[in-house]
Amino acid sequence: MRLIQLIYVSDLVGENEAAIPAILESSVRRNGENGITGMLLYSHGNFLQVLEGEQDSVRETYSRICKDPRHHNAILLTEEDVSERHFANWSMGYRQLGPEHAAKLPKYAPYFQFGFDVSAIRAKPGIALEMLELFSQGML
């Protein structure tokens, strides 16, 4: 089995935050069924998400997300083989980031303070995974 980790950003259609609980519910259910683990961060209308699991399952999930009418502008940041899961305890962890997170973590604030800045994230390889891991560990 080939284990991969895929990280992407997308926009929440209409910044309709009322849709987030339904997105999370379906993510937890489907990810559990498909052996996928991950973490979802939300900031100012944008998602940053990591998906981990068997290559075909992760790619099918990402394809489904790209077609989901609640998301648009999905941008793949990384897809790579991993020897072990970084988010093994989460069928889908979730954190909504706000001003309090930016104040406590000024090193990371430029990447999420006004929504996820794809250009800045791409310019610093590894920063997306670093943020996802930080917030999955309950540091804040």
Protein backbone atom coordinates (compact mmCIF):
# COMPACT_ATOMS: atom_id res chain seq x y z
CA MET A 1 0.00 0.00 0.00
CA ARG A 2 1.34 3.41 -0.99
CA LEU A 3 0.67 5.98 1.75
CA ILE A 4 0.49 9.60 0.60
CA GLN A 5 -0.14 12.99 2.12
CA LEU A 6 -1.90 15.67 0.09
CA ILE A 7 -2.24 19.33 1.16
CA TYR A 8 -4.46 21.85 -0.58
CA VAL A 9 -6.22 25.16 -0.07
CA SER A 10 -9.71 26.05 -1.23
CA ASP A 11 -12.31 28.76 -0.78
CA LEU A 12 -15.59 28.29 1.03
CA VAL A 13 -18.29 29.31 -1.45
CA GLY A 14 -19.85 32.59 -0.33
CA GLU A 15 -17.87 32.36 2.91
CA ASN A 16 -20.95 30.53 4.19
CA GLU A 17 -19.63 29.42 7.58
CA ALA A 18 -23.00 27.79 8.34
CA ALA A 19 -21.96 25.06 5.86
CA ILE A 20 -18.85 24.08 7.85
CA PRO A 21 -20.55 21.65 10.29
CA ALA A 22 -22.05 19.70 7.36
CA ILE A 23 -18.66 19.65 5.61
CA LEU A 24 -17.04 18.32 8.79
CA GLU A 25 -19.75 15.70 9.35
CA SER A 26 -19.43 14.29 5.84
CA SER A 27 -15.61 14.45 6.04
CA VAL A 28 -15.47 12.48 9.28
CA ARG A 29 -17.91 9.86 7.97
CA ARG A 30 -16.36 9.41 4.53
CA ASN A 31 -12.78 9.60 5.73
CA GLY A 32 -13.47 6.93 8.33
CA GLU A 33 -14.97 4.69 5.64
CA ASN A 34 -11.98 5.24 3.33
CA GLY A 35 -9.13 5.04 5.86
CA ILE A 36 -8.23 8.71 5.46
CA THR A 37 -6.89 10.87 8.25
CA GLY A 38 -6.27 14.59 8.21
CA MET A 39 -6.72 18.08 9.54
CA LEU A 40 -8.77 21.03 8.29
CA LEU A 41 -8.01 24.64 9.13
CA TYR A 42 -10.35 27.51 8.28
CA SER A 43 -9.54 31.22 8.14
CA HIS A 44 -11.48 34.09 6.57
CA GLY A 45 -13.24 32.09 3.87
CA ASN A 46 -10.37 29.71 3.10
CA PHE A 47 -9.55 26.12 3.98
CA LEU A 48 -6.14 24.55 4.38
CA GLN A 49 -6.43 20.78 4.54
CA VAL A 50 -4.21 17.75 4.70
CA LEU A 51 -5.43 14.29 3.67
CA GLU A 52 -3.47 11.12 4.40
CA GLY A 53 -4.07 7.55 3.38
CA GLU A 54 -3.81 5.06 0.55
CA GLN A 55 -3.01 6.88 -2.68
CA ASP A 56 -6.19 5.99 -4.59
CA SER A 57 -8.46 6.86 -1.65
CA VAL A 58 -6.77 10.22 -1.07
CA ARG A 59 -6.88 11.14 -4.75
CA GLU A 60 -10.57 10.14 -5.00
CA THR A 61 -11.35 12.24 -1.92
CA TYR A 62 -9.50 15.25 -3.31
CA SER A 63 -11.31 14.86 -6.64
CA ARG A 64 -14.65 14.79 -4.80
CA ILE A 65 -13.69 17.92 -2.85
CA CYS A 66 -12.79 19.71 -6.08
CA LYS A 67 -16.30 18.96 -7.38
CA ASP A 68 -18.06 19.83 -4.10
CA PRO A 69 -20.26 22.91 -4.66
CA ARG A 70 -19.33 24.20 -1.18
CA HIS A 71 -15.66 24.58 -2.22
CA HIS A 72 -14.08 26.37 -5.14
CA ASN A 73 -10.61 27.42 -6.29
CA ALA A 74 -8.95 24.27 -4.91
CA ILE A 75 -5.18 24.54 -5.27
CA LEU A 76 -2.96 21.53 -4.68
CA LEU A 77 0.09 22.53 -2.63
CA THR A 78 1.81 19.18 -2.10
CA GLU A 79 1.31 15.49 -2.71
CA GLU A 80 4.02 13.20 -1.47
CA ASP A 81 4.71 9.71 -0.22
CA VAL A 82 4.98 9.39 3.55
CA SER A 83 6.25 6.49 5.64
CA GLU A 84 3.74 7.16 8.42
CA ARG A 85 0.69 9.29 9.11
CA HIS A 86 1.16 12.65 10.78
CA PHE A 87 -2.55 12.89 11.70
CA ALA A 88 -3.32 9.27 12.62
CA ASN A 89 -5.65 10.28 15.47
CA TRP A 90 -7.94 12.41 13.31
CA SER A 91 -10.49 11.20 10.76
CA MET A 92 -10.77 14.97 10.33
CA GLY A 93 -9.45 17.39 12.92
CA TYR A 94 -10.69 20.97 12.66
CA ARG A 95 -9.67 24.40 13.84
CA GLN A 96 -11.07 27.80 12.94
CA LEU A 97 -8.28 30.34 13.15
CA GLY A 98 -8.91 33.87 14.33
CA PRO A 99 -7.16 36.99 15.59
CA GLU A 100 -6.25 35.28 18.87
CA HIS A 101 -4.21 32.68 16.96
CA ALA A 102 -2.44 35.37 14.94
CA ALA A 103 -1.59 37.25 18.14
CA LYS A 104 -0.22 34.14 19.87
CA LEU A 105 1.68 32.91 16.81
CA PRO A 106 3.09 35.94 14.99
CA LYS A 107 5.52 33.67 13.07
CA TYR A 108 2.54 32.03 11.33
CA ALA A 109 0.12 34.97 11.18
CA PRO A 110 1.18 36.15 7.69
CA TYR A 111 0.12 32.80 6.28
CA PHE A 112 -3.45 32.81 7.63
CA GLN A 113 -4.34 36.16 9.21
CA PHE A 114 -6.53 37.29 6.29
CA GLY A 115 -7.20 33.87 4.81
CA PHE A 116 -4.57 31.42 3.62
CA ASP A 117 -1.97 33.17 1.46
CA VAL A 118 -1.11 30.60 -1.22
CA SER A 119 1.84 32.59 -2.58
CA ALA A 120 3.42 32.96 0.85
CA ILE A 121 2.79 29.30 1.71
CA ARG A 122 4.33 28.14 -1.58
CA ALA A 123 7.34 30.41 -1.00
CA LYS A 124 8.13 28.59 2.27
CA PRO A 125 8.06 24.82 1.66
CA GLY A 126 6.91 22.87 4.70
CA ILE A 127 5.06 25.75 6.36
CA ALA A 128 1.59 24.36 5.54
CA LEU A 129 2.37 21.00 7.16
CA GLU A 130 4.01 22.77 10.10
CA MET A 131 0.85 24.83 10.75
CA LEU A 132 -1.45 21.84 10.34
CA GLU A 133 0.63 19.83 12.82
CA LEU A 134 0.82 22.73 15.28
CA PHE A 135 -2.93 23.21 15.38
CA SER A 136 -3.64 19.46 15.46
CA GLN A 137 -1.62 19.16 18.65
CA GLY A 138 -3.89 21.57 20.48
CA MET A 139 -1.11 24.10 20.99
CA LEU A 140 -3.73 26.83 21.17
